[in-house]
Every structure is written in structure tokens, then in C-alpha cells.
């Protein structure tokens, strides 16, 4: 079953974030702990790590603003 990649909740007040950059491309293999993308709020930039190993299938668009919890890809 695919692991969903979602915009994380960071802090108490952030309700949306910008997907800054994918660190891996579609179809690439990732391992637990690999940085897979970065998100930005008005206060900080955060690196998000893979929680499972597998093949990444990003669907979120770099530079786009997403609400917290939005689905931006999967790891199969």
C-alpha cells in the first residue's frame, strides 16, 4: 500500500505552506530518513524526510501553496 505524502503541520498557526522543492524525481527510490522535499511558511523552511522506503511519485507542484494536510505525492 502506498504511503501518502502530505503537507505537514508545523507550528500552531501555519494553515498553508509553499512546496519549495522536490529533492528526488518521479520514480526514484528513497530510503527512510532521506530528505524528499522542502516546504516554507512565512517564518521558516523545513526539510521533510521519508518515513518509509520505496519509489516516490510526487504530484505536488514546486512553488505552489497548499493547505496543511494536502496530498502532494506517494511512496510506493
PDB file of N, CA and C in Angstrom:
ATOM      1  N   UNK A   1       0.830  -1.177   0.000  1.00  0.00           N
ATOM      2  CA  UNK A   1       0.000   0.000   0.000  1.00  0.00           C
ATOM      3  C   UNK A   1       0.883   1.253   0.000  1.00  0.00           C
ATOM      4  N   UNK A   2       0.494   2.253  -0.736  1.00  0.00           N
ATOM      5  CA  UNK A   2       1.289   3.470  -0.874  1.00  0.00           C
ATOM      6  C   UNK A   2       1.188   4.333   0.381  1.00  0.00           C
ATOM      7  N   UNK A   3       2.314   4.926   0.746  1.00  0.00           N
ATOM      8  CA  UNK A   3       2.366   5.885   1.843  1.00  0.00           C
ATOM      9  C   UNK A   3       2.088   7.271   1.266  1.00  0.00           C
ATOM     10  N   UNK A   4       1.104   7.964   1.828  1.00  0.00           N
ATOM     11  CA  UNK A   4       0.749   9.288   1.322  1.00  0.00           C
ATOM     12  C   UNK A   4       1.729  10.343   1.832  1.00  0.00           C
ATOM     13  N   UNK A   5       2.092  11.263   0.945  1.00  0.00           N
ATOM     14  CA  UNK A   5       2.913  12.402   1.321  1.00  0.00           C
ATOM     15  C   UNK A   5       2.000  13.612   1.400  1.00  0.00           C
ATOM     16  N   UNK A   6       1.965  14.233   2.560  1.00  0.00           N
ATOM     17  CA  UNK A   6       1.070  15.373   2.788  1.00  0.00           C
ATOM     18  C   UNK A   6       1.860  16.563   3.324  1.00  0.00           C
ATOM     19  N   UNK A   7       1.302  17.756   3.113  1.00  0.00           N
ATOM     20  CA  UNK A   7       1.905  18.958   3.682  1.00  0.00           C
ATOM     21  C   UNK A   7       1.805  18.840   5.201  1.00  0.00           C
ATOM     22  N   UNK A   8       2.954  18.927   5.901  1.00  0.00           N
ATOM     23  CA  UNK A   8       2.933  18.708   7.348  1.00  0.00           C
ATOM     24  C   UNK A   8       2.397  19.903   8.130  1.00  0.00           C
ATOM     25  N   UNK A   9       1.944  19.630   9.333  1.00  0.00           N
ATOM     26  CA  UNK A   9       1.541  20.691  10.272  1.00  0.00           C
ATOM     27  C   UNK A   9       2.796  21.110  11.019  1.00  0.00           C
ATOM     28  N   UNK A  10       3.169  22.361  10.865  1.00  0.00           N
ATOM     29  CA  UNK A  10       4.362  22.883  11.526  1.00  0.00           C
ATOM     30  C   UNK A  10       3.936  24.106  12.333  1.00  0.00           C
ATOM     31  N   UNK A  11       4.082  24.028  13.625  1.00  0.00           N
ATOM     32  CA  UNK A  11       3.675  25.139  14.471  1.00  0.00           C
ATOM     33  C   UNK A  11       2.164  25.180  14.645  1.00  0.00           C
ATOM     34  N   UNK A  12       1.735  26.118  15.459  1.00  0.00           N
ATOM     35  CA  UNK A  12       0.317  26.211  15.783  1.00  0.00           C
ATOM     36  C   UNK A  12      -0.474  27.057  14.782  1.00  0.00           C
ATOM     37  N   UNK A  13       0.187  28.027  14.152  1.00  0.00           N
ATOM     38  CA  UNK A  13      -0.566  28.993  13.353  1.00  0.00           C
ATOM     39  C   UNK A  13      -0.530  28.746  11.846  1.00  0.00           C
ATOM     40  N   UNK A  14       0.390  27.927  11.368  1.00  0.00           N
ATOM     41  CA  UNK A  14       0.513  27.716   9.916  1.00  0.00           C
ATOM     42  C   UNK A  14      -0.682  26.921   9.390  1.00  0.00           C
ATOM     43  N   UNK A  15      -1.380  27.480   8.400  1.00  0.00           N
ATOM     44  CA  UNK A  15      -2.518  26.789   7.792  1.00  0.00           C
ATOM     45  C   UNK A  15      -2.245  26.414   6.345  1.00  0.00           C
ATOM     46  N   UNK A  16      -1.180  27.004   5.771  1.00  0.00           N
ATOM     47  CA  UNK A  16      -0.781  26.674   4.407  1.00  0.00           C
ATOM     48  C   UNK A  16       0.724  26.861   4.271  1.00  0.00           C
ATOM     49  N   UNK A  17       1.297  26.178   3.277  1.00  0.00           N
ATOM     50  CA  UNK A  17       2.737  26.231   3.044  1.00  0.00           C
ATOM     51  C   UNK A  17       3.010  26.175   1.557  1.00  0.00           C
ATOM     52  N   UNK A  18       4.175  26.675   1.198  1.00  0.00           N
ATOM     53  CA  UNK A  18       4.641  26.591  -0.178  1.00  0.00           C
ATOM     54  C   UNK A  18       5.522  25.357  -0.317  1.00  0.00           C
ATOM     55  N   UNK A  19       5.250  24.539  -1.322  1.00  0.00           N
ATOM     56  CA  UNK A  19       6.117  23.409  -1.646  1.00  0.00           C
ATOM     57  C   UNK A  19       7.311  23.990  -2.401  1.00  0.00           C
ATOM     58  N   UNK A  20       8.446  24.092  -1.719  1.00  0.00           N
ATOM     59  CA  UNK A  20       9.619  24.732  -2.322  1.00  0.00           C
ATOM     60  C   UNK A  20      10.277  23.886  -3.397  1.00  0.00           C
ATOM     61  N   UNK A  21      10.675  22.673  -3.010  1.00  0.00           N
ATOM     62  CA  UNK A  21      11.488  21.879  -3.926  1.00  0.00           C
ATOM     63  C   UNK A  21      11.381  20.393  -3.619  1.00  0.00           C
ATOM     64  N   UNK A  22      11.246  19.611  -4.669  1.00  0.00           N
ATOM     65  CA  UNK A  22      11.377  18.164  -4.558  1.00  0.00           C
ATOM     66  C   UNK A  22      12.856  17.838  -4.635  1.00  0.00           C
ATOM     67  N   UNK A  23      13.360  17.051  -3.711  1.00  0.00           N
ATOM     68  CA  UNK A  23      14.771  16.674  -3.695  1.00  0.00           C
ATOM     69  C   UNK A  23      15.028  15.396  -4.499  1.00  0.00           C
ATOM     70  N   UNK A  24      13.965  14.713  -4.884  1.00  0.00           N
ATOM     71  CA  UNK A  24      14.042  13.490  -5.690  1.00  0.00           C
ATOM     72  C   UNK A  24      12.999  13.577  -6.797  1.00  0.00           C
ATOM     73  N   UNK A  25      13.239  12.852  -7.865  1.00  0.00           N
ATOM     74  CA  UNK A  25      12.335  12.884  -9.000  1.00  0.00           C
ATOM     75  C   UNK A  25      11.388  11.693  -9.031  1.00  0.00           C
ATOM     76  N   UNK A  26      10.378  11.808  -9.864  1.00  0.00           N
ATOM     77  CA  UNK A  26       9.386  10.755 -10.034  1.00  0.00           C
ATOM     78  C   UNK A  26      10.067   9.448 -10.416  1.00  0.00           C
ATOM     79  N   UNK A  27       9.733   8.394  -9.692  1.00  0.00           N
ATOM     80  CA  UNK A  27      10.266   7.073  -9.986  1.00  0.00           C
ATOM     81  C   UNK A  27      11.574   6.752  -9.286  1.00  0.00           C
ATOM     82  N   UNK A  28      12.151   7.707  -8.558  1.00  0.00           N
ATOM     83  CA  UNK A  28      13.402   7.444  -7.842  1.00  0.00           C
ATOM     84  C   UNK A  28      13.121   6.693  -6.544  1.00  0.00           C
ATOM     85  N   UNK A  29      14.087   5.910  -6.125  1.00  0.00           N
ATOM     86  CA  UNK A  29      13.990   5.149  -4.877  1.00  0.00           C
ATOM     87  C   UNK A  29      14.445   6.037  -3.724  1.00  0.00           C
ATOM     88  N   UNK A  30      13.695   6.000  -2.623  1.00  0.00           N
ATOM     89  CA  UNK A  30      14.077   6.717  -1.412  1.00  0.00           C
ATOM     90  C   UNK A  30      14.161   5.735  -0.251  1.00  0.00           C
ATOM     91  N   UNK A  31      14.978   6.081   0.714  1.00  0.00           N
ATOM     92  CA  UNK A  31      15.133   5.282   1.929  1.00  0.00           C
ATOM     93  C   UNK A  31      14.624   6.091   3.110  1.00  0.00           C
ATOM     94  N   UNK A  32      14.291   5.418   4.196  1.00  0.00           N
ATOM     95  CA  UNK A  32      13.841   6.096   5.406  1.00  0.00           C
ATOM     96  C   UNK A  32      14.906   7.111   5.825  1.00  0.00           C
ATOM     97  N   UNK A  33      14.483   8.338   6.085  1.00  0.00           N
ATOM     98  CA  UNK A  33      15.403   9.389   6.515  1.00  0.00           C
ATOM     99  C   UNK A  33      15.922  10.274   5.404  1.00  0.00           C
ATOM    100  N   UNK A  34      15.717   9.873   4.137  1.00  0.00           N
ATOM    101  CA  UNK A  34      16.122  10.734   3.018  1.00  0.00           C
ATOM    102  C   UNK A  34      15.253  11.986   3.002  1.00  0.00           C
ATOM    103  N   UNK A  35      15.869  13.144   2.767  1.00  0.00           N
ATOM    104  CA  UNK A  35      15.089  14.369   2.593  1.00  0.00           C
ATOM    105  C   UNK A  35      14.443  14.283   1.214  1.00  0.00           C
ATOM    106  N   UNK A  36      13.103  14.390   1.178  1.00  0.00           N
ATOM    107  CA  UNK A  36      12.407  14.224  -0.099  1.00  0.00           C
ATOM    108  C   UNK A  36      11.826  15.519  -0.653  1.00  0.00           C
ATOM    109  N   UNK A  37      11.497  16.476   0.228  1.00  0.00           N
ATOM    110  CA  UNK A  37      11.027  17.777  -0.243  1.00  0.00           C
ATOM    111  C   UNK A  37      11.193  18.821   0.848  1.00  0.00           C
ATOM    112  N   UNK A  38      11.097  20.097   0.463  1.00  0.00           N
ATOM    113  CA  UNK A  38      11.127  21.190   1.425  1.00  0.00           C
ATOM    114  C   UNK A  38       9.851  22.003   1.289  1.00  0.00           C
ATOM    115  N   UNK A  39       9.377  22.509   2.424  1.00  0.00           N
ATOM    116  CA  UNK A  39       8.217  23.400   2.462  1.00  0.00           C
ATOM    117  C   UNK A  39       8.611  24.673   3.197  1.00  0.00           C
ATOM    118  N   UNK A  40       7.869  25.742   2.920  1.00  0.00           N
ATOM    119  CA  UNK A  40       8.176  27.031   3.519  1.00  0.00           C
ATOM    120  C   UNK A  40       6.907  27.703   4.041  1.00  0.00           C
ATOM    121  N   UNK A  41       7.013  28.264   5.243  1.00  0.00           N
ATOM    122  CA  UNK A  41       5.961  29.133   5.778  1.00  0.00           C
ATOM    123  C   UNK A  41       6.515  30.552   5.718  1.00  0.00           C
ATOM    124  N   UNK A  42       5.767  31.502   6.244  1.00  0.00           N
ATOM    125  CA  UNK A  42       6.270  32.869   6.271  1.00  0.00           C
ATOM    126  C   UNK A  42       7.417  33.033   7.261  1.00  0.00           C
ATOM    127  N   UNK A  43       7.666  32.016   8.102  1.00  0.00           N
ATOM    128  CA  UNK A  43       8.699  32.116   9.134  1.00  0.00           C
ATOM    129  C   UNK A  43       9.872  31.160   8.976  1.00  0.00           C
ATOM    130  N   UNK A  44       9.688  30.045   8.272  1.00  0.00           N
ATOM    131  CA  UNK A  44      10.738  29.030   8.245  1.00  0.00           C
ATOM    132  C   UNK A  44      10.652  28.141   7.012  1.00  0.00           C
ATOM    133  N   UNK A  45      11.758  27.476   6.717  1.00  0.00           N
ATOM    134  CA  UNK A  45      11.812  26.440   5.688  1.00  0.00           C
ATOM    135  C   UNK A  45      12.144  25.123   6.384  1.00  0.00           C
ATOM    136  N   UNK A  46      11.429  24.063   6.021  1.00  0.00           N
ATOM    137  CA  UNK A  46      11.581  22.770   6.683  1.00  0.00           C
ATOM    138  C   UNK A  46      11.851  21.685   5.648  1.00  0.00           C
ATOM    139  N   UNK A  47      12.820  20.814   5.958  1.00  0.00           N
ATOM    140  CA  UNK A  47      13.081  19.635   5.139  1.00  0.00           C
ATOM    141  C   UNK A  47      12.225  18.495   5.666  1.00  0.00           C
ATOM    142  N   UNK A  48      11.559  17.785   4.759  1.00  0.00           N
ATOM    143  CA  UNK A  48      10.701  16.659   5.147  1.00  0.00           C
ATOM    144  C   UNK A  48      11.369  15.362   4.698  1.00  0.00           C
ATOM    145  N   UNK A  49      11.482  14.418   5.637  1.00  0.00           N
ATOM    146  CA  UNK A  49      12.150  13.147   5.375  1.00  0.00           C
ATOM    147  C   UNK A  49      11.152  12.037   5.069  1.00  0.00           C
ATOM    148  N   UNK A  50      11.604  11.058   4.302  1.00  0.00           N
ATOM    149  CA  UNK A  50      10.799   9.872   4.015  1.00  0.00           C
ATOM    150  C   UNK A  50      10.623   9.058   5.294  1.00  0.00           C
ATOM    151  N   UNK A  51       9.402   8.625   5.545  1.00  0.00           N
ATOM    152  CA  UNK A  51       9.107   7.787   6.704  1.00  0.00           C
ATOM    153  C   UNK A  51       9.111   6.303   6.348  1.00  0.00           C
ATOM    154  N   UNK A  52       9.096   6.010   5.049  1.00  0.00           N
ATOM    155  CA  UNK A  52       9.166   4.639   4.544  1.00  0.00           C
ATOM    156  C   UNK A  52      10.086   4.612   3.332  1.00  0.00           C
ATOM    157  N   UNK A  53      10.585   3.438   2.992  1.00  0.00           N
ATOM    158  CA  UNK A  53      11.399   3.267   1.792  1.00  0.00           C
ATOM    159  C   UNK A  53      10.495   2.865   0.636  1.00  0.00           C
ATOM    160  N   UNK A  54      10.881   3.269  -0.575  1.00  0.00           N
ATOM    161  CA  UNK A  54      10.108   2.886  -1.749  1.00  0.00           C
ATOM    162  C   UNK A  54      10.363   3.812  -2.914  1.00  0.00           C
ATOM    163  N   UNK A  55       9.460   3.764  -3.889  1.00  0.00           N
ATOM    164  CA  UNK A  55       9.554   4.580  -5.103  1.00  0.00           C
ATOM    165  C   UNK A  55       8.648   5.797  -4.947  1.00  0.00           C
ATOM    166  N   UNK A  56       9.217   6.976  -5.173  1.00  0.00           N
ATOM    167  CA  UNK A  56       8.455   8.205  -4.957  1.00  0.00           C
ATOM    168  C   UNK A  56       7.667   8.590  -6.203  1.00  0.00           C
ATOM    169  N   UNK A  57       6.447   9.058  -5.961  1.00  0.00           N
ATOM    170  CA  UNK A  57       5.547   9.527  -7.022  1.00  0.00           C
ATOM    171  C   UNK A  57       5.005  10.908  -6.622  1.00  0.00           C
ATOM    172  N   UNK A  58       5.788  11.972  -6.868  1.00  0.00           N
ATOM    173  CA  UNK A  58       5.332  13.302  -6.492  1.00  0.00           C
ATOM    174  C   UNK A  58       4.221  13.803  -7.409  1.00  0.00           C
ATOM    175  N   UNK A  59       3.241  14.493  -6.828  1.00  0.00           N
ATOM    176  CA  UNK A  59       2.168  15.099  -7.612  1.00  0.00           C
ATOM    177  C   UNK A  59       2.068  16.603  -7.353  1.00  0.00           C
ATOM    178  N   UNK A  60       2.604  17.059  -6.219  1.00  0.00           N
ATOM    179  CA  UNK A  60       2.590  18.476  -5.888  1.00  0.00           C
ATOM    180  C   UNK A  60       3.543  19.251  -6.789  1.00  0.00           C
ATOM    181  N   UNK A  61       3.210  20.506  -7.030  1.00  0.00           N
ATOM    182  CA  UNK A  61       3.976  21.366  -7.934  1.00  0.00           C
ATOM    183  C   UNK A  61       4.837  22.327  -7.126  1.00  0.00           C
ATOM    184  N   UNK A  62       6.143  22.370  -7.439  1.00  0.00           N
ATOM    185  CA  UNK A  62       7.045  23.305  -6.771  1.00  0.00           C
ATOM    186  C   UNK A  62       6.554  24.735  -6.951  1.00  0.00           C
ATOM    187  N   UNK A  63       6.620  25.522  -5.877  1.00  0.00           N
ATOM    188  CA  UNK A  63       6.197  26.907  -5.915  1.00  0.00           C
ATOM    189  C   UNK A  63       4.720  27.119  -5.622  1.00  0.00           C
ATOM    190  N   UNK A  64       3.963  26.045  -5.567  1.00  0.00           N
ATOM    191  CA  UNK A  64       2.522  26.119  -5.301  1.00  0.00           C
ATOM    192  C   UNK A  64       2.263  26.176  -3.793  1.00  0.00           C
ATOM    193  N   UNK A  65       1.256  26.920  -3.386  1.00  0.00           N
ATOM    194  CA  UNK A  65       0.845  26.993  -1.981  1.00  0.00           C
ATOM    195  C   UNK A  65      -0.251  25.951  -1.744  1.00  0.00           C
ATOM    196  N   UNK A  66      -0.080  25.167  -0.668  1.00  0.00           N
ATOM    197  CA  UNK A  66      -1.024  24.107  -0.322  1.00  0.00           C
ATOM    198  C   UNK A  66      -1.480  24.258   1.126  1.00  0.00           C
ATOM    199  N   UNK A  67      -2.720  23.885   1.420  1.00  0.00           N
ATOM    200  CA  UNK A  67      -3.155  23.869   2.817  1.00  0.00           C
ATOM    201  C   UNK A  67      -2.478  22.712   3.555  1.00  0.00           C
ATOM    202  N   UNK A  68      -2.316  22.870   4.856  1.00  0.00           N
ATOM    203  CA  UNK A  68      -1.779  21.792   5.685  1.00  0.00           C
ATOM    204  C   UNK A  68      -2.643  20.555   5.478  1.00  0.00           C
ATOM    205  N   UNK A  69      -1.994  19.407   5.294  1.00  0.00           N
ATOM    206  CA  UNK A  69      -2.704  18.148   5.102  1.00  0.00           C
ATOM    207  C   UNK A  69      -2.964  17.789   3.648  1.00  0.00           C
ATOM    208  N   UNK A  70      -2.659  18.698   2.713  1.00  0.00           N
ATOM    209  CA  UNK A  70      -2.904  18.423   1.292  1.00  0.00           C
ATOM    210  C   UNK A  70      -2.000  17.279   0.810  1.00  0.00           C
ATOM    211  N   UNK A  71      -2.564  16.411  -0.005  1.00  0.00           N
ATOM    212  CA  UNK A  71      -1.819  15.291  -0.586  1.00  0.00           C
ATOM    213  C   UNK A  71      -0.942  15.821  -1.726  1.00  0.00           C
ATOM    214  N   UNK A  72       0.377  15.544  -1.635  1.00  0.00           N
ATOM    215  CA  UNK A  72       1.306  16.035  -2.669  1.00  0.00           C
ATOM    216  C   UNK A  72       2.123  14.912  -3.306  1.00  0.00           C
ATOM    217  N   UNK A  73       1.794  13.666  -2.983  1.00  0.00           N
ATOM    218  CA  UNK A  73       2.504  12.554  -3.605  1.00  0.00           C
ATOM    219  C   UNK A  73       2.361  11.286  -2.788  1.00  0.00           C
ATOM    220  N   UNK A  74       3.041  10.247  -3.254  1.00  0.00           N
ATOM    221  CA  UNK A  74       3.045   8.960  -2.552  1.00  0.00           C
ATOM    222  C   UNK A  74       4.429   8.323  -2.638  1.00  0.00           C
ATOM    223  N   UNK A  75       4.659   7.369  -1.750  1.00  0.00           N
ATOM    224  CA  UNK A  75       5.810   6.475  -1.851  1.00  0.00           C
ATOM    225  C   UNK A  75       5.232   5.084  -1.965  1.00  0.00           C
ATOM    226  N   UNK A  76       5.551   4.399  -3.050  1.00  0.00           N
ATOM    227  CA  UNK A  76       5.009   3.066  -3.308  1.00  0.00           C
ATOM    228  C   UNK A  76       5.998   1.993  -2.882  1.00  0.00           C
TER     229      UNK A  76
END
